[in-house]
Amino acid sequence: MTRNITLSLFMGLALFGCNTDRMNMTGPTTMGFKPIYASSGNLKDLIKSTAAKPLTETGKIYVKGNLLLVNRPYEGVHVIDNTDSKNPVNMAFLQIPGNVDVTIKGDYMYADYAGKICVIDIHDIANPRVTQDVTLDTKYQQYPPQADITNSWSWRTYFECPDKKKGTVVGWVYTRLNSPKCWRDNQ
């Protein structure tokens, strides 16, 4: 009888102590990065002006006349009319898939996206026009951005291995992954 109680108590503690959040039917899960793919074969066709989006996650800010151009990592650039600095108006959003960094010179925006650099004529901000497109490095598709890796508290960053059959990687999202097979050690 004592043996049955001890065995029952042990089994109850063992089940109670299992971290079901780390296991599922397909194996262990962990937090990591999942690639976001572009569905178009011609990425520069995806660069366009769209309706304004709320400013949630932002990056660098550029001033062009009365406009504020605010980067939204992996997505593009917010266009804000700052003529009345007490009442700025969120006018539009320049969609640039996979964009992390931009710079402006005159009427031209230089933007990275998915391992490429494009030059965008923005003299008519409502109708941006890609004037040049240069491929930089295909390694962009292989790993999450270095900034995300080095900010991780963990010694290893896990991510879903990119699959070229799914398209071009234009960004990464931090999410729960099932048994990721790719990782990078943080140094």
N, C-alpha and C. Protein backbone atom coordinates (compact mmCIF):
# COMPACT_ATOMS: atom_id res chain seq x y z
N MET A 1 0.83 -1.20 0.00
CA MET A 1 0.00 0.00 0.00
C MET A 1 0.86 1.25 0.00
N THR A 2 1.90 1.29 0.85
CA THR A 2 2.80 2.44 0.91
C THR A 2 3.51 2.62 -0.42
N ARG A 3 3.88 1.48 -1.03
CA ARG A 3 4.55 1.54 -2.33
C ARG A 3 3.63 2.16 -3.38
N ASN A 4 2.33 1.81 -3.39
CA ASN A 4 1.38 2.38 -4.34
C ASN A 4 1.20 3.88 -4.12
N ILE A 5 1.14 4.31 -2.86
CA ILE A 5 0.99 5.74 -2.55
C ILE A 5 2.23 6.50 -3.01
N THR A 6 3.41 5.93 -2.72
CA THR A 6 4.67 6.57 -3.12
C THR A 6 4.76 6.66 -4.64
N LEU A 7 4.38 5.58 -5.34
CA LEU A 7 4.42 5.57 -6.80
C LEU A 7 3.42 6.59 -7.36
N SER A 8 2.22 6.64 -6.78
CA SER A 8 1.21 7.60 -7.23
C SER A 8 1.67 9.03 -7.00
N LEU A 9 2.26 9.30 -5.86
CA LEU A 9 2.76 10.63 -5.54
C LEU A 9 3.88 11.02 -6.51
N PHE A 10 4.79 10.08 -6.77
CA PHE A 10 5.89 10.34 -7.69
C PHE A 10 5.36 10.64 -9.10
N MET A 11 4.40 9.86 -9.57
CA MET A 11 3.83 10.06 -10.91
C MET A 11 3.10 11.41 -10.99
N GLY A 12 2.39 11.75 -9.93
CA GLY A 12 1.68 13.04 -9.90
C GLY A 12 2.65 14.20 -9.97
N LEU A 13 3.75 14.15 -9.20
CA LEU A 13 4.75 15.20 -9.24
C LEU A 13 5.45 15.26 -10.59
N ALA A 14 5.72 14.12 -11.16
CA ALA A 14 6.38 14.06 -12.47
C ALA A 14 5.50 14.71 -13.53
N LEU A 15 4.20 14.41 -13.52
CA LEU A 15 3.29 15.00 -14.49
C LEU A 15 3.11 16.50 -14.24
N PHE A 16 3.02 16.87 -12.96
CA PHE A 16 2.85 18.27 -12.61
C PHE A 16 4.09 19.08 -13.01
N GLY A 17 5.26 18.47 -12.93
CA GLY A 17 6.52 19.15 -13.23
C GLY A 17 6.84 19.23 -14.71
N CYS A 18 6.10 18.53 -15.58
CA CYS A 18 6.38 18.59 -17.02
C CYS A 18 6.06 19.97 -17.56
N ASN A 19 6.92 20.46 -18.39
CA ASN A 19 6.70 21.74 -19.02
C ASN A 19 6.03 21.49 -20.37
N THR A 20 4.72 21.45 -20.37
CA THR A 20 3.99 21.15 -21.60
C THR A 20 4.10 22.29 -22.61
N ASP A 21 4.52 23.47 -22.14
CA ASP A 21 4.70 24.59 -23.05
C ASP A 21 5.89 24.36 -23.98
N ARG A 22 6.85 23.53 -23.57
CA ARG A 22 8.04 23.27 -24.37
C ARG A 22 7.89 22.02 -25.24
N MET A 23 6.83 21.27 -25.06
CA MET A 23 6.66 20.03 -25.84
C MET A 23 5.28 20.04 -26.49
N ASN A 24 5.24 19.44 -27.64
CA ASN A 24 3.94 19.22 -28.28
C ASN A 24 4.00 17.87 -28.98
N MET A 25 3.01 17.59 -29.78
CA MET A 25 2.94 16.27 -30.41
C MET A 25 4.07 16.04 -31.41
N THR A 26 4.65 17.11 -31.98
CA THR A 26 5.69 16.93 -32.98
C THR A 26 7.09 17.07 -32.40
N GLY A 27 7.23 17.41 -31.15
CA GLY A 27 8.55 17.54 -30.54
C GLY A 27 8.69 18.86 -29.79
N PRO A 28 9.92 19.16 -29.36
CA PRO A 28 10.11 20.36 -28.55
C PRO A 28 9.87 21.64 -29.35
N THR A 29 9.38 22.65 -28.65
CA THR A 29 9.21 23.96 -29.27
C THR A 29 10.11 24.94 -28.55
N THR A 30 10.46 26.00 -29.25
CA THR A 30 11.27 27.06 -28.67
C THR A 30 10.96 28.35 -29.40
N MET A 31 11.31 29.45 -28.81
CA MET A 31 11.12 30.74 -29.47
C MET A 31 12.25 30.93 -30.48
N GLY A 32 11.90 31.48 -31.62
CA GLY A 32 12.89 31.71 -32.65
C GLY A 32 12.29 32.52 -33.79
N PHE A 33 13.01 32.58 -34.89
CA PHE A 33 12.60 33.40 -36.03
C PHE A 33 12.09 32.55 -37.18
N LYS A 34 10.99 33.00 -37.76
CA LYS A 34 10.39 32.34 -38.91
C LYS A 34 10.47 33.30 -40.09
N PRO A 35 10.93 32.81 -41.27
CA PRO A 35 11.03 33.72 -42.40
C PRO A 35 9.67 34.14 -42.95
N ILE A 36 9.63 35.37 -43.46
CA ILE A 36 8.46 35.88 -44.16
C ILE A 36 8.86 35.92 -45.64
N TYR A 37 8.04 35.33 -46.48
CA TYR A 37 8.36 35.21 -47.90
C TYR A 37 7.54 36.18 -48.74
N ALA A 38 8.15 36.66 -49.82
CA ALA A 38 7.42 37.45 -50.82
C ALA A 38 6.84 36.48 -51.83
N SER A 39 5.61 36.74 -52.24
CA SER A 39 4.95 35.84 -53.18
C SER A 39 5.20 36.24 -54.63
N SER A 40 5.74 37.42 -54.85
CA SER A 40 5.97 37.89 -56.21
C SER A 40 7.37 37.54 -56.68
N GLY A 41 7.50 37.22 -57.96
CA GLY A 41 8.81 36.94 -58.53
C GLY A 41 9.63 38.21 -58.71
N ASN A 42 8.97 39.35 -58.87
CA ASN A 42 9.67 40.60 -59.07
C ASN A 42 9.41 41.49 -57.85
N LEU A 43 10.35 41.49 -56.92
CA LEU A 43 10.17 42.20 -55.66
C LEU A 43 9.95 43.70 -55.83
N LYS A 44 10.60 44.30 -56.80
CA LYS A 44 10.46 45.76 -56.91
C LYS A 44 9.03 46.16 -57.28
N ASP A 45 8.25 45.22 -57.82
CA ASP A 45 6.83 45.51 -58.08
C ASP A 45 6.04 45.65 -56.79
N LEU A 46 6.58 45.14 -55.69
CA LEU A 46 5.90 45.23 -54.40
C LEU A 46 6.15 46.57 -53.71
N ILE A 47 7.11 47.36 -54.22
CA ILE A 47 7.42 48.66 -53.65
C ILE A 47 6.42 49.66 -54.20
N LYS A 48 5.58 50.19 -53.29
CA LYS A 48 4.52 51.10 -53.74
C LYS A 48 3.99 51.92 -52.57
N SER A 49 3.27 52.95 -52.88
CA SER A 49 2.63 53.78 -51.87
C SER A 49 1.27 53.16 -51.53
N THR A 50 0.98 53.06 -50.23
CA THR A 50 -0.30 52.51 -49.77
C THR A 50 -0.91 53.48 -48.76
N ALA A 51 -2.07 53.14 -48.27
CA ALA A 51 -2.73 53.95 -47.24
C ALA A 51 -1.84 54.01 -45.99
N ALA A 52 -1.97 55.08 -45.24
CA ALA A 52 -1.21 55.25 -44.01
C ALA A 52 -1.47 54.10 -43.05
N LYS A 53 -0.44 53.72 -42.30
CA LYS A 53 -0.55 52.69 -41.27
C LYS A 53 -0.22 53.33 -39.93
N PRO A 54 -0.77 52.80 -38.84
CA PRO A 54 -0.43 53.35 -37.53
C PRO A 54 1.06 53.14 -37.23
N LEU A 55 1.66 54.09 -36.55
CA LEU A 55 3.06 53.97 -36.15
C LEU A 55 3.14 53.10 -34.90
N THR A 56 3.60 51.88 -35.07
CA THR A 56 3.75 51.00 -33.92
C THR A 56 5.23 50.76 -33.68
N GLU A 57 5.86 50.00 -34.54
CA GLU A 57 7.29 49.74 -34.42
C GLU A 57 8.00 50.65 -35.41
N THR A 58 8.94 51.45 -34.93
CA THR A 58 9.60 52.40 -35.81
C THR A 58 11.11 52.27 -35.75
N GLY A 59 11.75 52.80 -36.78
CA GLY A 59 13.21 52.81 -36.86
C GLY A 59 13.69 54.23 -37.05
N LYS A 60 14.56 54.42 -38.03
CA LYS A 60 15.16 55.74 -38.29
C LYS A 60 14.13 56.73 -38.80
N ILE A 61 14.41 58.01 -38.54
CA ILE A 61 13.54 59.10 -38.98
C ILE A 61 14.36 60.03 -39.87
N TYR A 62 13.80 60.38 -41.03
CA TYR A 62 14.43 61.32 -41.95
C TYR A 62 13.50 62.49 -42.18
N VAL A 63 14.09 63.66 -42.40
CA VAL A 63 13.32 64.86 -42.70
C VAL A 63 13.58 65.24 -44.15
N LYS A 64 12.50 65.46 -44.90
CA LYS A 64 12.60 65.92 -46.28
C LYS A 64 11.58 67.05 -46.43
N GLY A 65 12.06 68.28 -46.35
CA GLY A 65 11.16 69.43 -46.37
C GLY A 65 10.24 69.38 -45.16
N ASN A 66 8.94 69.38 -45.42
CA ASN A 66 7.95 69.28 -44.33
C ASN A 66 7.53 67.85 -44.04
N LEU A 67 8.20 66.91 -44.66
CA LEU A 67 7.85 65.51 -44.45
C LEU A 67 8.78 64.83 -43.47
N LEU A 68 8.21 63.96 -42.65
CA LEU A 68 8.99 63.04 -41.83
C LEU A 68 8.83 61.67 -42.46
N LEU A 69 9.93 61.00 -42.70
CA LEU A 69 9.92 59.65 -43.25
C LEU A 69 10.44 58.73 -42.16
N VAL A 70 9.56 57.87 -41.66
CA VAL A 70 9.86 57.04 -40.49
C VAL A 70 9.88 55.57 -40.90
N ASN A 71 11.04 54.94 -40.74
CA ASN A 71 11.19 53.54 -41.12
C ASN A 71 10.40 52.63 -40.19
N ARG A 72 9.74 51.64 -40.77
CA ARG A 72 9.08 50.57 -40.02
C ARG A 72 9.79 49.28 -40.45
N PRO A 73 10.65 48.72 -39.58
CA PRO A 73 11.49 47.59 -39.97
C PRO A 73 10.72 46.45 -40.64
N TYR A 74 11.29 45.96 -41.74
CA TYR A 74 10.81 44.84 -42.56
C TYR A 74 9.60 45.17 -43.41
N GLU A 75 9.05 46.37 -43.26
CA GLU A 75 7.83 46.68 -43.99
C GLU A 75 7.93 47.88 -44.91
N GLY A 76 8.58 48.97 -44.48
CA GLY A 76 8.67 50.14 -45.33
C GLY A 76 8.85 51.42 -44.56
N VAL A 77 8.22 52.50 -45.07
CA VAL A 77 8.45 53.83 -44.52
C VAL A 77 7.11 54.59 -44.40
N HIS A 78 6.86 55.12 -43.20
CA HIS A 78 5.70 55.99 -42.98
C HIS A 78 6.02 57.37 -43.55
N VAL A 79 5.03 58.01 -44.18
CA VAL A 79 5.19 59.36 -44.70
C VAL A 79 4.27 60.26 -43.88
N ILE A 80 4.88 61.21 -43.16
CA ILE A 80 4.11 62.07 -42.25
C ILE A 80 4.31 63.53 -42.65
N ASP A 81 3.21 64.23 -42.87
CA ASP A 81 3.26 65.66 -43.17
C ASP A 81 3.43 66.40 -41.84
N ASN A 82 4.56 67.08 -41.70
CA ASN A 82 4.88 67.77 -40.45
C ASN A 82 4.83 69.29 -40.64
N THR A 83 4.00 69.77 -41.58
CA THR A 83 3.87 71.20 -41.82
C THR A 83 3.47 71.90 -40.53
N ASP A 84 2.49 71.33 -39.83
CA ASP A 84 2.09 71.82 -38.50
C ASP A 84 2.65 70.84 -37.49
N SER A 85 3.80 71.16 -36.90
CA SER A 85 4.49 70.21 -36.02
C SER A 85 3.67 69.84 -34.78
N LYS A 86 2.66 70.63 -34.44
CA LYS A 86 1.80 70.29 -33.30
C LYS A 86 0.72 69.30 -33.71
N ASN A 87 0.48 69.18 -35.01
CA ASN A 87 -0.54 68.26 -35.53
C ASN A 87 -0.02 67.54 -36.78
N PRO A 88 0.96 66.66 -36.63
CA PRO A 88 1.46 65.94 -37.80
C PRO A 88 0.38 65.02 -38.38
N VAL A 89 0.41 64.85 -39.70
CA VAL A 89 -0.60 64.04 -40.38
C VAL A 89 0.08 62.83 -41.03
N ASN A 90 -0.37 61.64 -40.64
CA ASN A 90 0.14 60.39 -41.21
C ASN A 90 -0.52 60.25 -42.59
N MET A 91 0.26 60.54 -43.65
CA MET A 91 -0.30 60.62 -45.01
C MET A 91 -0.35 59.29 -45.75
N ALA A 92 0.75 58.55 -45.71
CA ALA A 92 0.85 57.35 -46.55
C ALA A 92 1.91 56.42 -45.98
N PHE A 93 2.02 55.28 -46.61
CA PHE A 93 3.04 54.31 -46.23
C PHE A 93 3.69 53.79 -47.51
N LEU A 94 5.03 53.89 -47.59
CA LEU A 94 5.75 53.33 -48.72
C LEU A 94 6.09 51.89 -48.37
N GLN A 95 5.44 50.97 -49.03
CA GLN A 95 5.66 49.54 -48.77
C GLN A 95 6.97 49.13 -49.44
N ILE A 96 7.92 48.63 -48.61
CA ILE A 96 9.21 48.13 -49.11
C ILE A 96 9.48 46.82 -48.36
N PRO A 97 9.07 45.68 -48.90
CA PRO A 97 9.20 44.40 -48.18
C PRO A 97 10.65 44.10 -47.78
N GLY A 98 10.84 43.75 -46.52
CA GLY A 98 12.15 43.37 -46.03
C GLY A 98 13.04 44.55 -45.72
N ASN A 99 12.51 45.75 -45.74
CA ASN A 99 13.32 46.96 -45.52
C ASN A 99 13.72 47.10 -44.06
N VAL A 100 15.00 47.40 -43.84
CA VAL A 100 15.50 47.64 -42.50
C VAL A 100 16.10 49.05 -42.39
N ASP A 101 16.68 49.54 -43.47
CA ASP A 101 17.38 50.82 -43.41
C ASP A 101 17.11 51.63 -44.67
N VAL A 102 17.03 52.94 -44.51
CA VAL A 102 16.88 53.85 -45.64
C VAL A 102 17.75 55.08 -45.40
N THR A 103 18.06 55.75 -46.47
CA THR A 103 18.67 57.07 -46.41
C THR A 103 18.13 57.88 -47.57
N ILE A 104 18.20 59.19 -47.44
CA ILE A 104 17.62 60.09 -48.44
C ILE A 104 18.70 61.06 -48.93
N LYS A 105 18.70 61.31 -50.22
CA LYS A 105 19.53 62.36 -50.79
C LYS A 105 18.72 63.00 -51.91
N GLY A 106 18.38 64.28 -51.71
CA GLY A 106 17.57 64.98 -52.69
C GLY A 106 16.20 64.33 -52.81
N ASP A 107 15.82 64.00 -54.03
CA ASP A 107 14.53 63.36 -54.29
C ASP A 107 14.63 61.84 -54.39
N TYR A 108 15.71 61.29 -53.86
CA TYR A 108 15.92 59.85 -53.97
C TYR A 108 16.07 59.20 -52.60
N MET A 109 15.37 58.11 -52.43
CA MET A 109 15.48 57.29 -51.23
C MET A 109 16.26 56.04 -51.61
N TYR A 110 17.24 55.70 -50.80
CA TYR A 110 18.02 54.48 -50.98
C TYR A 110 17.57 53.53 -49.89
N ALA A 111 17.05 52.39 -50.28
CA ALA A 111 16.46 51.46 -49.31
C ALA A 111 16.95 50.04 -49.55
N ASP A 112 17.25 49.35 -48.46
CA ASP A 112 17.57 47.93 -48.59
C ASP A 112 16.28 47.13 -48.51
N TYR A 113 16.29 45.99 -49.15
CA TYR A 113 15.15 45.08 -49.06
C TYR A 113 15.58 43.72 -49.59
N ALA A 114 15.39 42.71 -48.79
CA ALA A 114 15.62 41.32 -49.19
C ALA A 114 16.96 41.09 -49.89
N GLY A 115 18.05 41.63 -49.32
CA GLY A 115 19.37 41.43 -49.90
C GLY A 115 19.64 42.28 -51.13
N LYS A 116 18.85 43.32 -51.31
CA LYS A 116 19.01 44.22 -52.45
C LYS A 116 19.03 45.66 -51.95
N ILE A 117 19.45 46.54 -52.83
CA ILE A 117 19.35 47.98 -52.60
C ILE A 117 18.55 48.54 -53.77
N CYS A 118 17.60 49.41 -53.48
CA CYS A 118 16.87 50.05 -54.56
C CYS A 118 16.95 51.56 -54.39
N VAL A 119 16.89 52.24 -55.50
CA VAL A 119 16.83 53.69 -55.51
C VAL A 119 15.41 54.04 -55.92
N ILE A 120 14.75 54.84 -55.08
CA ILE A 120 13.35 55.18 -55.31
C ILE A 120 13.24 56.69 -55.50
N ASP A 121 12.70 57.09 -56.64
CA ASP A 121 12.44 58.50 -56.90
C ASP A 121 11.21 58.88 -56.09
N ILE A 122 11.37 59.81 -55.13
CA ILE A 122 10.25 60.18 -54.25
C ILE A 122 9.85 61.65 -54.43
N HIS A 123 10.20 62.25 -55.58
CA HIS A 123 9.81 63.66 -55.77
C HIS A 123 8.28 63.79 -55.74
N ASP A 124 7.57 62.76 -56.18
CA ASP A 124 6.11 62.68 -56.03
C ASP A 124 5.86 61.52 -55.07
N ILE A 125 5.80 61.84 -53.80
CA ILE A 125 5.75 60.81 -52.74
C ILE A 125 4.55 59.89 -52.88
N ALA A 126 3.46 60.35 -53.50
CA ALA A 126 2.27 59.52 -53.70
C ALA A 126 2.48 58.48 -54.80
N ASN A 127 3.48 58.71 -55.66
CA ASN A 127 3.78 57.80 -56.76
C ASN A 127 5.28 57.50 -56.82
N PRO A 128 5.80 56.79 -55.83
CA PRO A 128 7.24 56.49 -55.85
C PRO A 128 7.58 55.60 -57.04
N ARG A 129 8.80 55.77 -57.55
CA ARG A 129 9.20 55.01 -58.73
C ARG A 129 10.60 54.44 -58.49
N VAL A 130 10.73 53.12 -58.60
CA VAL A 130 12.03 52.47 -58.46
C VAL A 130 12.83 52.76 -59.72
N THR A 131 14.00 53.40 -59.54
CA THR A 131 14.83 53.74 -60.70
C THR A 131 16.01 52.80 -60.86
N GLN A 132 16.40 52.14 -59.77
CA GLN A 132 17.52 51.20 -59.86
C GLN A 132 17.35 50.14 -58.78
N ASP A 133 17.84 48.94 -59.09
CA ASP A 133 17.68 47.80 -58.19
C ASP A 133 18.96 46.96 -58.31
N VAL A 134 19.67 46.77 -57.20
CA VAL A 134 20.95 46.06 -57.22
C VAL A 134 20.92 44.94 -56.20
N THR A 135 21.27 43.71 -56.61
CA THR A 135 21.35 42.59 -55.68
C THR A 135 22.66 42.69 -54.92
N LEU A 136 22.59 42.54 -53.61
CA LEU A 136 23.78 42.64 -52.76
C LEU A 136 24.31 41.28 -52.36
N ASP A 137 23.51 40.53 -51.62
CA ASP A 137 24.02 39.33 -50.99
C ASP A 137 22.87 38.37 -50.73
N THR A 138 23.01 37.14 -51.18
CA THR A 138 21.95 36.15 -50.96
C THR A 138 21.99 35.59 -49.54
N LYS A 139 23.03 35.92 -48.73
CA LYS A 139 23.07 35.45 -47.34
C LYS A 139 21.92 36.02 -46.53
N TYR A 140 21.33 37.15 -47.00
CA TYR A 140 20.21 37.75 -46.30
C TYR A 140 19.10 36.72 -46.08
N GLN A 141 18.93 35.84 -47.05
CA GLN A 141 17.86 34.85 -46.94
C GLN A 141 18.20 33.72 -45.98
N GLN A 142 19.45 33.56 -45.62
CA GLN A 142 19.85 32.42 -44.82
C GLN A 142 19.70 32.60 -43.32
N TYR A 143 19.81 33.85 -42.83
CA TYR A 143 19.83 34.09 -41.39
C TYR A 143 18.95 35.27 -41.01
N PRO A 144 18.41 35.24 -39.79
CA PRO A 144 17.72 36.43 -39.29
C PRO A 144 18.73 37.57 -39.18
N PRO A 145 18.27 38.82 -39.17
CA PRO A 145 19.20 39.95 -39.08
C PRO A 145 20.09 39.86 -37.85
N GLN A 146 21.34 40.27 -37.99
CA GLN A 146 22.32 40.20 -36.91
C GLN A 146 21.85 40.96 -35.67
N ALA A 147 21.19 42.10 -35.86
CA ALA A 147 20.73 42.88 -34.71
C ALA A 147 19.79 42.05 -33.85
N ASP A 148 18.92 41.25 -34.46
CA ASP A 148 18.01 40.42 -33.68
C ASP A 148 18.76 39.32 -32.95
N ILE A 149 19.80 38.80 -33.56
CA ILE A 149 20.57 37.73 -32.94
C ILE A 149 21.35 38.24 -31.74
N THR A 150 22.02 39.37 -31.89
CA THR A 150 22.86 39.87 -30.81
C THR A 150 22.04 40.42 -29.65
N ASN A 151 20.77 40.78 -29.88
CA ASN A 151 19.93 41.26 -28.78
C ASN A 151 19.32 40.12 -27.98
N SER A 152 19.50 38.91 -28.45
CA SER A 152 18.92 37.76 -27.77
C SER A 152 19.67 37.49 -26.47
N TRP A 153 18.96 37.13 -25.43
CA TRP A 153 19.60 36.84 -24.14
C TRP A 153 20.19 35.43 -24.14
N SER A 154 19.78 34.62 -25.08
CA SER A 154 20.20 33.23 -25.13
C SER A 154 21.55 33.09 -25.83
N TRP A 155 22.24 32.01 -25.57
CA TRP A 155 23.52 31.75 -26.23
C TRP A 155 23.33 31.23 -27.64
N ARG A 156 22.11 30.86 -27.99
CA ARG A 156 21.83 30.34 -29.33
C ARG A 156 20.51 30.90 -29.82
N THR A 157 20.47 31.29 -31.09
CA THR A 157 19.24 31.78 -31.71
C THR A 157 18.77 30.74 -32.71
N TYR A 158 17.54 30.27 -32.50
CA TYR A 158 16.96 29.28 -33.40
C TYR A 158 16.12 29.97 -34.46
N PHE A 159 16.06 29.37 -35.65
CA PHE A 159 15.21 29.90 -36.70
C PHE A 159 14.82 28.78 -37.65
N GLU A 160 13.70 29.00 -38.34
CA GLU A 160 13.24 28.05 -39.35
C GLU A 160 14.14 28.21 -40.57
N CYS A 161 14.66 27.11 -41.07
CA CYS A 161 15.54 27.16 -42.24
C CYS A 161 14.76 27.72 -43.44
N PRO A 162 15.31 28.73 -44.13
CA PRO A 162 14.63 29.26 -45.31
C PRO A 162 14.50 28.21 -46.41
N ASP A 163 13.41 28.28 -47.14
CA ASP A 163 13.13 27.36 -48.23
C ASP A 163 12.95 28.17 -49.51
N LYS A 164 13.93 28.12 -50.41
CA LYS A 164 13.89 28.93 -51.64
C LYS A 164 12.65 28.64 -52.48
N LYS A 165 12.07 27.45 -52.33
CA LYS A 165 10.86 27.10 -53.08
C LYS A 165 9.67 27.97 -52.67
N LYS A 166 9.73 28.53 -51.45
CA LYS A 166 8.63 29.36 -50.95
C LYS A 166 8.75 30.80 -51.41
N GLY A 167 9.88 31.19 -51.99
CA GLY A 167 10.06 32.56 -52.47
C GLY A 167 11.26 33.22 -51.83
N THR A 168 11.29 34.53 -51.87
CA THR A 168 12.38 35.33 -51.33
C THR A 168 12.04 35.77 -49.92
N VAL A 169 12.98 35.61 -49.01
CA VAL A 169 12.78 36.05 -47.64
C VAL A 169 12.83 37.57 -47.61
N VAL A 170 11.77 38.19 -47.10
CA VAL A 170 11.71 39.65 -47.01
C VAL A 170 11.66 40.14 -45.57
N GLY A 171 11.73 39.22 -44.62
CA GLY A 171 11.73 39.60 -43.22
C GLY A 171 11.66 38.37 -42.34
N TRP A 172 11.68 38.62 -41.04
CA TRP A 172 11.63 37.54 -40.05
C TRP A 172 10.68 37.94 -38.94
N VAL A 173 9.95 36.97 -38.40
CA VAL A 173 9.06 37.22 -37.28
C VAL A 173 9.49 36.31 -36.12
N TYR A 174 9.50 36.87 -34.91
CA TYR A 174 9.88 36.12 -33.72
C TYR A 174 8.63 35.41 -33.21
N THR A 175 8.69 34.08 -33.15
CA THR A 175 7.51 33.30 -32.80
C THR A 175 7.94 31.95 -32.22
N ARG A 176 6.98 31.15 -31.82
CA ARG A 176 7.25 29.80 -31.31
C ARG A 176 7.45 28.87 -32.51
N LEU A 177 8.55 28.12 -32.48
CA LEU A 177 8.88 27.19 -33.56
C LEU A 177 8.84 25.76 -33.05
N ASN A 178 8.39 24.84 -33.89
CA ASN A 178 8.39 23.42 -33.57
C ASN A 178 9.67 22.78 -34.10
N SER A 179 10.48 22.27 -33.21
CA SER A 179 11.71 21.54 -33.57
C SER A 179 12.53 22.23 -34.66
N PRO A 180 12.99 23.47 -34.43
CA PRO A 180 13.76 24.15 -35.47
C PRO A 180 15.08 23.42 -35.75
N LYS A 181 15.46 23.35 -37.01
CA LYS A 181 16.66 22.64 -37.41
C LYS A 181 17.83 23.59 -37.69
N CYS A 182 17.57 24.91 -37.69
CA CYS A 182 18.63 25.87 -37.93
C CYS A 182 18.84 26.74 -36.70
N TRP A 183 20.08 27.11 -36.46
CA TRP A 183 20.40 28.01 -35.36
C TRP A 183 21.73 28.69 -35.64
N ARG A 184 21.95 29.75 -34.90
CA ARG A 184 23.22 30.46 -34.91
C ARG A 184 23.63 30.69 -33.48
N ASP A 185 24.89 30.46 -33.19
CA ASP A 185 25.39 30.70 -31.85
C ASP A 185 25.65 32.20 -31.68
N ASN A 186 25.22 32.74 -30.56
CA ASN A 186 25.45 34.16 -30.25
C ASN A 186 26.79 34.29 -29.56
N GLN A 187 27.56 35.24 -30.00
CA GLN A 187 28.90 35.38 -29.43
C GLN A 187 29.05 36.68 -28.70
